[in-house]
Amino acid sequence: MKDTLYAQAYEAVGAFQFDDAVVTVFPDMIQRSVPGYQTILTGIGELTAQYAQPHSQLYDLGCSLGAATLTMRRHLAFSNCKIIGIDTSQPMIDRAQEHLNSFHSEVPVELICGDMTHLTIEKASVVVLNFTLQFIEPNLRQTLINRIYEGLNPGGILILSEKVHFDSTDFQTAIEHLHLQFKRANGYSELEIAQKRVALENVLQSDQPSTHLERFAKAGFETAGSWFQAYNFMSFLAIKAPFAK
């Protein structure tokens, strides 16, 4: 369904929530709001094919409707792996399960409604955070990245996609303009753009690219960098050394 959640003027715009209304229009919302989203999903699939290890677990942290989970499952060369998806939104989990049930696969998938910061990560070869860390409290982010690193097998990877911001005011202004034009070109009105911005304020808290790289280094990743960028949306790859020190 088309995203018209903010097409009507509201006296007060509430904080953005991943509720039933958002779930219904989420695919359209993502496609019209996040430049490069399909390219990122394709990359997640290709990286899964390259780095997934037999008898390991793969994690989709903040799985929403299961797009990354489905992509990982399609590209897995081993049926003896397990994918675990977690999201705090029960409506998201319910719809993700419907999507997964629509496609046959020998790879088991467990979907959990819960808080990713409390999830035990173990025997992992691929961990995906696809535009979800930005919704986690900033003071919890380093701890989560640390736990992901500890739960990864040697040679395992973390794929992190995020909306970012930049320290240069002029550069940030230019990038924001490009993103606004992207949304306008996809049919969003000025009212919709303005009300969505208010709804996301203090809910989505972005970091600078350098902050993400610093977190990876602090966690122990020796290899990390960005592999994709479209305007103010980036995806990073962090690789755990093949043999832990």
C-alpha atoms as a PDB file:
ATOM      1  CA  MET A   1       0.000   0.000   0.000  1.00  0.00           C
ATOM      2  CA  LYS A   2       1.082   3.586  -0.656  1.00  0.00           C
ATOM      3  CA  ASP A   3       2.495   5.506   2.291  1.00  0.00           C
ATOM      4  CA  THR A   4       0.059   8.327   3.093  1.00  0.00           C
ATOM      5  CA  LEU A   5       0.567   8.315   6.869  1.00  0.00           C
ATOM      6  CA  TYR A   6       1.561  11.974   6.994  1.00  0.00           C
ATOM      7  CA  ALA A   7      -0.489  13.275   4.079  1.00  0.00           C
ATOM      8  CA  GLN A   8      -3.106  14.719   6.459  1.00  0.00           C
ATOM      9  CA  ALA A   9      -2.233  17.734   8.606  1.00  0.00           C
ATOM     10  CA  TYR A  10      -2.096  16.941  12.344  1.00  0.00           C
ATOM     11  CA  GLU A  11      -2.300  19.432  15.187  1.00  0.00           C
ATOM     12  CA  ALA A  12       0.350  17.416  17.014  1.00  0.00           C
ATOM     13  CA  VAL A  13       2.603  14.822  15.387  1.00  0.00           C
ATOM     14  CA  GLY A  14       3.402  11.918  17.683  1.00  0.00           C
ATOM     15  CA  ALA A  15       6.717  10.097  17.854  1.00  0.00           C
ATOM     16  CA  PHE A  16       7.320   7.607  15.059  1.00  0.00           C
ATOM     17  CA  GLN A  17       6.407   4.026  15.983  1.00  0.00           C
ATOM     18  CA  PHE A  18       6.640   0.736  14.104  1.00  0.00           C
ATOM     19  CA  ASP A  19       2.952  -0.006  14.637  1.00  0.00           C
ATOM     20  CA  ASP A  20       0.294  -1.657  12.436  1.00  0.00           C
ATOM     21  CA  ALA A  21      -0.169   1.509  10.367  1.00  0.00           C
ATOM     22  CA  VAL A  22       3.549   1.705   9.542  1.00  0.00           C
ATOM     23  CA  VAL A  23       3.783  -2.040   8.849  1.00  0.00           C
ATOM     24  CA  THR A  24       1.036  -1.754   6.240  1.00  0.00           C
ATOM     25  CA  VAL A  25       2.927   0.836   4.175  1.00  0.00           C
ATOM     26  CA  PHE A  26       6.506   0.035   5.191  1.00  0.00           C
ATOM     27  CA  PRO A  27       7.784  -1.337   1.851  1.00  0.00           C
ATOM     28  CA  ASP A  28       6.561   1.781   0.017  1.00  0.00           C
ATOM     29  CA  MET A  29       7.924   4.043   2.759  1.00  0.00           C
ATOM     30  CA  ILE A  30      11.392   2.501   2.524  1.00  0.00           C
ATOM     31  CA  GLN A  31      11.557   2.557  -1.266  1.00  0.00           C
ATOM     32  CA  ARG A  32      10.524   6.219  -1.427  1.00  0.00           C
ATOM     33  CA  SER A  33      12.622   7.410   1.523  1.00  0.00           C
ATOM     34  CA  VAL A  34      15.902   5.443   1.488  1.00  0.00           C
ATOM     35  CA  PRO A  35      18.029   5.849  -1.636  1.00  0.00           C
ATOM     36  CA  GLY A  36      19.964   2.736  -2.586  1.00  0.00           C
ATOM     37  CA  TYR A  37      17.906   0.383  -0.419  1.00  0.00           C
ATOM     38  CA  GLN A  38      17.657  -2.352  -3.038  1.00  0.00           C
ATOM     39  CA  THR A  39      21.370  -2.110  -3.778  1.00  0.00           C
ATOM     40  CA  ILE A  40      22.094  -2.614  -0.087  1.00  0.00           C
ATOM     41  CA  LEU A  41      19.854  -5.696   0.038  1.00  0.00           C
ATOM     42  CA  THR A  42      21.647  -7.093  -3.002  1.00  0.00           C
ATOM     43  CA  GLY A  43      24.978  -6.479  -1.278  1.00  0.00           C
ATOM     44  CA  ILE A  44      23.779  -8.228   1.884  1.00  0.00           C
ATOM     45  CA  GLY A  45      22.930 -11.252  -0.217  1.00  0.00           C
ATOM     46  CA  GLU A  46      26.279 -11.305  -2.008  1.00  0.00           C
ATOM     47  CA  LEU A  47      28.234 -10.827   1.230  1.00  0.00           C
ATOM     48  CA  THR A  48      26.227 -13.626   2.831  1.00  0.00           C
ATOM     49  CA  ALA A  49      27.156 -15.950  -0.030  1.00  0.00           C
ATOM     50  CA  GLN A  50      30.805 -15.008   0.427  1.00  0.00           C
ATOM     51  CA  TYR A  51      31.146 -15.074   4.223  1.00  0.00           C
ATOM     52  CA  ALA A  52      28.485 -17.398   5.665  1.00  0.00           C
ATOM     53  CA  GLN A  53      30.056 -20.423   7.329  1.00  0.00           C
ATOM     54  CA  PRO A  54      28.600 -23.939   7.651  1.00  0.00           C
ATOM     55  CA  HIS A  55      27.005 -24.831  11.009  1.00  0.00           C
ATOM     56  CA  SER A  56      26.830 -21.156  11.960  1.00  0.00           C
ATOM     57  CA  GLN A  57      24.086 -18.701  12.848  1.00  0.00           C
ATOM     58  CA  LEU A  58      23.137 -15.541  10.969  1.00  0.00           C
ATOM     59  CA  TYR A  59      21.402 -12.626  12.671  1.00  0.00           C
ATOM     60  CA  ASP A  60      19.079  -9.923  11.349  1.00  0.00           C
ATOM     61  CA  LEU A  61      18.941  -7.429  14.223  1.00  0.00           C
ATOM     62  CA  GLY A  62      15.914  -5.201  13.768  1.00  0.00           C
ATOM     63  CA  CYS A  63      14.519  -7.433  11.042  1.00  0.00           C
ATOM     64  CA  SER A  64      11.296  -5.426  10.417  1.00  0.00           C
ATOM     65  CA  LEU A  65       9.445  -7.226   7.583  1.00  0.00           C
ATOM     66  CA  GLY A  66      12.301  -9.663   6.987  1.00  0.00           C
ATOM     67  CA  ALA A  67      13.793  -8.252   3.770  1.00  0.00           C
ATOM     68  CA  ALA A  68      17.392  -8.884   4.858  1.00  0.00           C
ATOM     69  CA  THR A  69      16.441 -12.242   6.370  1.00  0.00           C
ATOM     70  CA  LEU A  70      14.929 -13.384   3.073  1.00  0.00           C
ATOM     71  CA  THR A  71      17.951 -12.122   1.152  1.00  0.00           C
ATOM     72  CA  MET A  72      20.359 -13.985   3.427  1.00  0.00           C
ATOM     73  CA  ARG A  73      18.304 -17.167   3.233  1.00  0.00           C
ATOM     74  CA  ARG A  74      18.234 -17.069  -0.579  1.00  0.00           C
ATOM     75  CA  HIS A  75      22.021 -16.695  -0.773  1.00  0.00           C
ATOM     76  CA  LEU A  76      23.019 -19.269   1.833  1.00  0.00           C
ATOM     77  CA  ALA A  77      24.973 -22.181   0.396  1.00  0.00           C
ATOM     78  CA  PHE A  78      24.480 -24.251   3.551  1.00  0.00           C
ATOM     79  CA  SER A  79      21.186 -25.635   4.848  1.00  0.00           C
ATOM     80  CA  ASN A  80      22.845 -26.459   8.188  1.00  0.00           C
ATOM     81  CA  CYS A  81      22.805 -22.788   9.179  1.00  0.00           C
ATOM     82  CA  LYS A  82      20.135 -20.958  11.151  1.00  0.00           C
ATOM     83  CA  ILE A  83      18.923 -17.381  10.765  1.00  0.00           C
ATOM     84  CA  ILE A  84      17.656 -15.471  13.789  1.00  0.00           C
ATOM     85  CA  GLY A  85      15.654 -12.285  13.281  1.00  0.00           C
ATOM     86  CA  ILE A  86      14.603  -9.988  16.102  1.00  0.00           C
ATOM     87  CA  ASP A  87      12.472  -6.851  16.265  1.00  0.00           C
ATOM     88  CA  THR A  88      10.718  -4.962  19.048  1.00  0.00           C
ATOM     89  CA  SER A  89       7.539  -4.613  16.957  1.00  0.00           C
ATOM     90  CA  GLN A  90       5.127  -7.568  17.107  1.00  0.00           C
ATOM     91  CA  PRO A  91       3.267  -6.362  13.980  1.00  0.00           C
ATOM     92  CA  MET A  92       6.596  -6.387  12.102  1.00  0.00           C
ATOM     93  CA  ILE A  93       7.391  -9.899  13.327  1.00  0.00           C
ATOM     94  CA  ASP A  94       3.940 -11.179  12.377  1.00  0.00           C
ATOM     95  CA  ARG A  95       4.192  -9.782   8.849  1.00  0.00           C
ATOM     96  CA  ALA A  96       7.788 -11.002   8.479  1.00  0.00           C
ATOM     97  CA  GLN A  97       6.627 -14.525   9.347  1.00  0.00           C
ATOM     98  CA  GLU A  98       3.979 -14.324   6.624  1.00  0.00           C
ATOM     99  CA  HIS A  99       6.636 -13.297   4.098  1.00  0.00           C
ATOM    100  CA  LEU A 100       8.947 -16.120   5.152  1.00  0.00           C
ATOM    101  CA  ASN A 101       6.143 -18.665   4.928  1.00  0.00           C
ATOM    102  CA  SER A 102       5.562 -17.644   1.309  1.00  0.00           C
ATOM    103  CA  PHE A 103       8.937 -19.020   0.183  1.00  0.00           C
ATOM    104  CA  HIS A 104      10.155 -22.578   0.711  1.00  0.00           C
ATOM    105  CA  SER A 105      13.635 -23.063   2.117  1.00  0.00           C
ATOM    106  CA  GLU A 106      15.538 -25.731   4.019  1.00  0.00           C
ATOM    107  CA  VAL A 107      17.203 -23.047   6.140  1.00  0.00           C
ATOM    108  CA  PRO A 108      15.459 -22.631   9.510  1.00  0.00           C
ATOM    109  CA  VAL A 109      14.534 -19.112  10.611  1.00  0.00           C
ATOM    110  CA  GLU A 110      13.567 -18.083  14.135  1.00  0.00           C
ATOM    111  CA  LEU A 111      11.810 -14.751  14.566  1.00  0.00           C
ATOM    112  CA  ILE A 112      11.793 -13.134  17.996  1.00  0.00           C
ATOM    113  CA  CYS A 113       9.858 -10.150  19.276  1.00  0.00           C
ATOM    114  CA  GLY A 114      12.282  -8.580  21.695  1.00  0.00           C
ATOM    115  CA  ASP A 115      15.127  -6.175  22.386  1.00  0.00           C
ATOM    116  CA  MET A 116      18.273  -6.857  20.350  1.00  0.00           C
ATOM    117  CA  THR A 117      20.439  -5.378  23.101  1.00  0.00           C
ATOM    118  CA  HIS A 118      19.434  -8.325  25.316  1.00  0.00           C
ATOM    119  CA  LEU A 119      19.898 -11.031  22.673  1.00  0.00           C
ATOM    120  CA  THR A 120      22.699 -13.559  23.056  1.00  0.00           C
ATOM    121  CA  ILE A 121      24.775 -13.677  19.876  1.00  0.00           C
ATOM    122  CA  GLU A 122      26.831 -16.804  19.369  1.00  0.00           C
ATOM    123  CA  LYS A 123      28.391 -18.948  16.619  1.00  0.00           C
ATOM    124  CA  ALA A 124      27.642 -16.131  14.176  1.00  0.00           C
ATOM    125  CA  SER A 125      29.140 -15.819  10.704  1.00  0.00           C
ATOM    126  CA  VAL A 126      26.946 -12.938   9.442  1.00  0.00           C
ATOM    127  CA  VAL A 127      25.228 -10.232  11.504  1.00  0.00           C
ATOM    128  CA  VAL A 128      23.088  -7.558   9.837  1.00  0.00           C
ATOM    129  CA  LEU A 129      21.930  -4.261  11.317  1.00  0.00           C
ATOM    130  CA  ASN A 130      20.006  -2.716   8.433  1.00  0.00           C
ATOM    131  CA  PHE A 131      18.977   0.813   9.479  1.00  0.00           C
ATOM    132  CA  THR A 132      18.277  -0.213  13.061  1.00  0.00           C
ATOM    133  CA  LEU A 133      21.212   0.926  15.219  1.00  0.00           C
ATOM    134  CA  GLN A 134      19.995   4.512  14.684  1.00  0.00           C
ATOM    135  CA  PHE A 135      16.924   3.674  16.788  1.00  0.00           C
ATOM    136  CA  ILE A 136      18.985   2.301  19.696  1.00  0.00           C
ATOM    137  CA  GLU A 137      19.910   4.615  22.573  1.00  0.00           C
ATOM    138  CA  PRO A 138      23.342   6.076  21.719  1.00  0.00           C
ATOM    139  CA  ASN A 139      24.853   5.021  25.053  1.00  0.00           C
ATOM    140  CA  LEU A 140      23.995   1.375  24.278  1.00  0.00           C
ATOM    141  CA  ARG A 141      25.470   1.236  20.785  1.00  0.00           C
ATOM    142  CA  GLN A 142      29.108   0.497  21.616  1.00  0.00           C
ATOM    143  CA  THR A 143      28.090  -2.303  23.964  1.00  0.00           C
ATOM    144  CA  LEU A 144      25.947  -3.861  21.245  1.00  0.00           C
ATOM    145  CA  ILE A 145      28.756  -3.712  18.677  1.00  0.00           C
ATOM    146  CA  ASN A 146      31.111  -5.238  21.260  1.00  0.00           C
ATOM    147  CA  ARG A 147      28.692  -8.115  21.864  1.00  0.00           C
ATOM    148  CA  ILE A 148      28.319  -8.706  18.141  1.00  0.00           C
ATOM    149  CA  TYR A 149      32.095  -8.891  17.773  1.00  0.00           C
ATOM    150  CA  GLU A 150      32.380 -11.352  20.647  1.00  0.00           C
ATOM    151  CA  GLY A 151      29.609 -13.515  19.197  1.00  0.00           C
ATOM    152  CA  LEU A 152      31.107 -13.659  15.696  1.00  0.00           C
ATOM    153  CA  ASN A 153      33.168 -16.628  14.581  1.00  0.00           C
ATOM    154  CA  PRO A 154      36.675 -15.827  13.317  1.00  0.00           C
ATOM    155  CA  GLY A 155      36.202 -14.585   9.751  1.00  0.00           C
ATOM    156  CA  GLY A 156      32.610 -13.517  10.445  1.00  0.00           C
ATOM    157  CA  ILE A 157      31.177 -10.198   9.326  1.00  0.00           C
ATOM    158  CA  LEU A 158      28.943  -7.380  10.500  1.00  0.00           C
ATOM    159  CA  ILE A 159      26.959  -5.437   7.888  1.00  0.00           C
ATOM    160  CA  LEU A 160      25.710  -2.129   9.281  1.00  0.00           C
ATOM    161  CA  SER A 161      23.530   0.239   7.240  1.00  0.00           C
ATOM    162  CA  GLU A 162      22.633   3.642   8.689  1.00  0.00           C
ATOM    163  CA  LYS A 163      21.480   7.148   7.981  1.00  0.00           C
ATOM    164  CA  VAL A 164      24.458   9.363   8.815  1.00  0.00           C
ATOM    165  CA  HIS A 165      25.293  13.028   9.260  1.00  0.00           C
ATOM    166  CA  PHE A 166      28.453  14.998   8.569  1.00  0.00           C
ATOM    167  CA  ASP A 167      30.475  17.467  10.631  1.00  0.00           C
ATOM    168  CA  SER A 168      30.675  20.066   7.873  1.00  0.00           C
ATOM    169  CA  THR A 169      27.565  22.264   7.952  1.00  0.00           C
ATOM    170  CA  ASP A 170      27.872  23.139   4.264  1.00  0.00           C
ATOM    171  CA  PHE A 171      28.292  19.511   3.224  1.00  0.00           C
ATOM    172  CA  GLN A 172      25.433  18.383   5.471  1.00  0.00           C
ATOM    173  CA  THR A 173      23.159  21.037   3.945  1.00  0.00           C
ATOM    174  CA  ALA A 174      24.022  19.888   0.416  1.00  0.00           C
ATOM    175  CA  ILE A 175      23.429  16.211   1.225  1.00  0.00           C
ATOM    176  CA  GLU A 176      20.132  16.954   2.983  1.00  0.00           C
ATOM    177  CA  HIS A 177      18.977  18.888  -0.082  1.00  0.00           C
ATOM    178  CA  LEU A 178      19.715  15.895  -2.311  1.00  0.00           C
ATOM    179  CA  HIS A 179      17.767  13.611   0.017  1.00  0.00           C
ATOM    180  CA  LEU A 180      14.825  16.014   0.114  1.00  0.00           C
ATOM    181  CA  GLN A 181      14.789  16.131  -3.677  1.00  0.00           C
ATOM    182  CA  PHE A 182      14.824  12.325  -3.719  1.00  0.00           C
ATOM    183  CA  LYS A 183      11.696  12.216  -1.543  1.00  0.00           C
ATOM    184  CA  ARG A 184       9.980  14.939  -3.560  1.00  0.00           C
ATOM    185  CA  ALA A 185      10.722  13.074  -6.775  1.00  0.00           C
ATOM    186  CA  ASN A 186       9.111   9.992  -5.206  1.00  0.00           C
ATOM    187  CA  GLY A 187       5.859  11.851  -4.609  1.00  0.00           C
ATOM    188  CA  TYR A 188       6.093  13.027  -1.009  1.00  0.00           C
ATOM    189  CA  SER A 189       4.555  16.462  -0.379  1.00  0.00           C
ATOM    190  CA  GLU A 190       6.150  19.198   1.717  1.00  0.00           C
ATOM    191  CA  LEU A 191       3.573  18.489   4.430  1.00  0.00           C
ATOM    192  CA  GLU A 192       4.443  14.781   4.501  1.00  0.00           C
ATOM    193  CA  ILE A 193       8.169  15.484   4.606  1.00  0.00           C
ATOM    194  CA  ALA A 194       7.816  18.049   7.409  1.00  0.00           C
ATOM    195  CA  GLN A 195       5.525  15.912   9.587  1.00  0.00           C
ATOM    196  CA  LYS A 196       7.686  12.803   9.124  1.00  0.00           C
ATOM    197  CA  ARG A 197      10.727  14.833  10.197  1.00  0.00           C
ATOM    198  CA  VAL A 198       8.933  15.871  13.399  1.00  0.00           C
ATOM    199  CA  ALA A 199       7.842  12.277  14.077  1.00  0.00           C
ATOM    200  CA  LEU A 200      11.414  10.993  13.764  1.00  0.00           C
ATOM    201  CA  GLU A 201      12.989  13.741  15.852  1.00  0.00           C
ATOM    202  CA  ASN A 202      14.634  12.185  18.930  1.00  0.00           C
ATOM    203  CA  VAL A 203      13.562   8.728  17.699  1.00  0.00           C
ATOM    204  CA  LEU A 204      16.132   8.347  14.921  1.00  0.00           C
ATOM    205  CA  GLN A 205      19.495   9.640  16.153  1.00  0.00           C
ATOM    206  CA  SER A 206      22.171   9.366  13.489  1.00  0.00           C
ATOM    207  CA  ASP A 207      25.949   9.216  13.896  1.00  0.00           C
ATOM    208  CA  GLN A 208      28.816  10.479  11.788  1.00  0.00           C
ATOM    209  CA  PRO A 209      30.578   7.860   9.620  1.00  0.00           C
ATOM    210  CA  SER A 210      33.727   8.246  11.719  1.00  0.00           C
ATOM    211  CA  THR A 211      31.767   7.318  14.861  1.00  0.00           C
ATOM    212  CA  HIS A 212      30.774   3.982  13.345  1.00  0.00           C
ATOM    213  CA  LEU A 213      34.357   3.238  12.327  1.00  0.00           C
ATOM    214  CA  GLU A 214      35.587   4.133  15.806  1.00  0.00           C
ATOM    215  CA  ARG A 215      33.046   1.738  17.349  1.00  0.00           C
ATOM    216  CA  PHE A 216      34.225  -1.086  15.104  1.00  0.00           C
ATOM    217  CA  ALA A 217      37.849  -0.483  16.103  1.00  0.00           C
ATOM    218  CA  LYS A 218      37.013  -0.322  19.826  1.00  0.00           C
ATOM    219  CA  ALA A 219      35.100  -3.601  19.553  1.00  0.00           C
ATOM    220  CA  GLY A 220      38.134  -5.329  18.026  1.00  0.00           C
ATOM    221  CA  PHE A 221      37.448  -5.331  14.291  1.00  0.00           C
ATOM    222  CA  GLU A 222      40.738  -4.918  12.425  1.00  0.00           C
ATOM    223  CA  THR A 223      39.075  -4.526   9.021  1.00  0.00           C
ATOM    224  CA  ALA A 224      36.148  -2.139   8.516  1.00  0.00           C
ATOM    225  CA  GLY A 225      34.977   0.456   6.025  1.00  0.00           C
ATOM    226  CA  SER A 226      32.034   1.724   4.016  1.00  0.00           C
ATOM    227  CA  TRP A 227      31.064  -0.251   0.920  1.00  0.00           C
ATOM    228  CA  PHE A 228      28.062   1.813  -0.188  1.00  0.00           C
ATOM    229  CA  GLN A 229      26.780   5.385   0.063  1.00  0.00           C
ATOM    230  CA  ALA A 230      23.774   7.177  -1.413  1.00  0.00           C
ATOM    231  CA  TYR A 231      23.474  10.739  -0.097  1.00  0.00           C
ATOM    232  CA  ASN A 232      23.270  10.479   3.702  1.00  0.00           C
ATOM    233  CA  PHE A 233      22.722   6.708   3.761  1.00  0.00           C
ATOM    234  CA  MET A 234      25.715   4.414   4.130  1.00  0.00           C
ATOM    235  CA  SER A 235      26.442   0.748   4.611  1.00  0.00           C
ATOM    236  CA  PHE A 236      29.553  -0.513   6.399  1.00  0.00           C
ATOM    237  CA  LEU A 237      31.322  -3.859   6.447  1.00  0.00           C
ATOM    238  CA  ALA A 238      33.339  -4.986   9.463  1.00  0.00           C
ATOM    239  CA  ILE A 239      35.274  -8.264   9.284  1.00  0.00           C
ATOM    240  CA  LYS A 240      36.530 -10.202  12.282  1.00  0.00           C
ATOM    241  CA  ALA A 241      40.034 -11.527  11.800  1.00  0.00           C
ATOM    242  CA  PRO A 242      40.043 -15.144  10.525  1.00  0.00           C
ATOM    243  CA  PHE A 243      41.952 -16.226  13.615  1.00  0.00           C
ATOM    244  CA  ALA A 244      41.096 -14.511  16.871  1.00  0.00           C
ATOM    245  CA  LYS A 245      44.054 -13.166  18.826  1.00  0.00           C
END
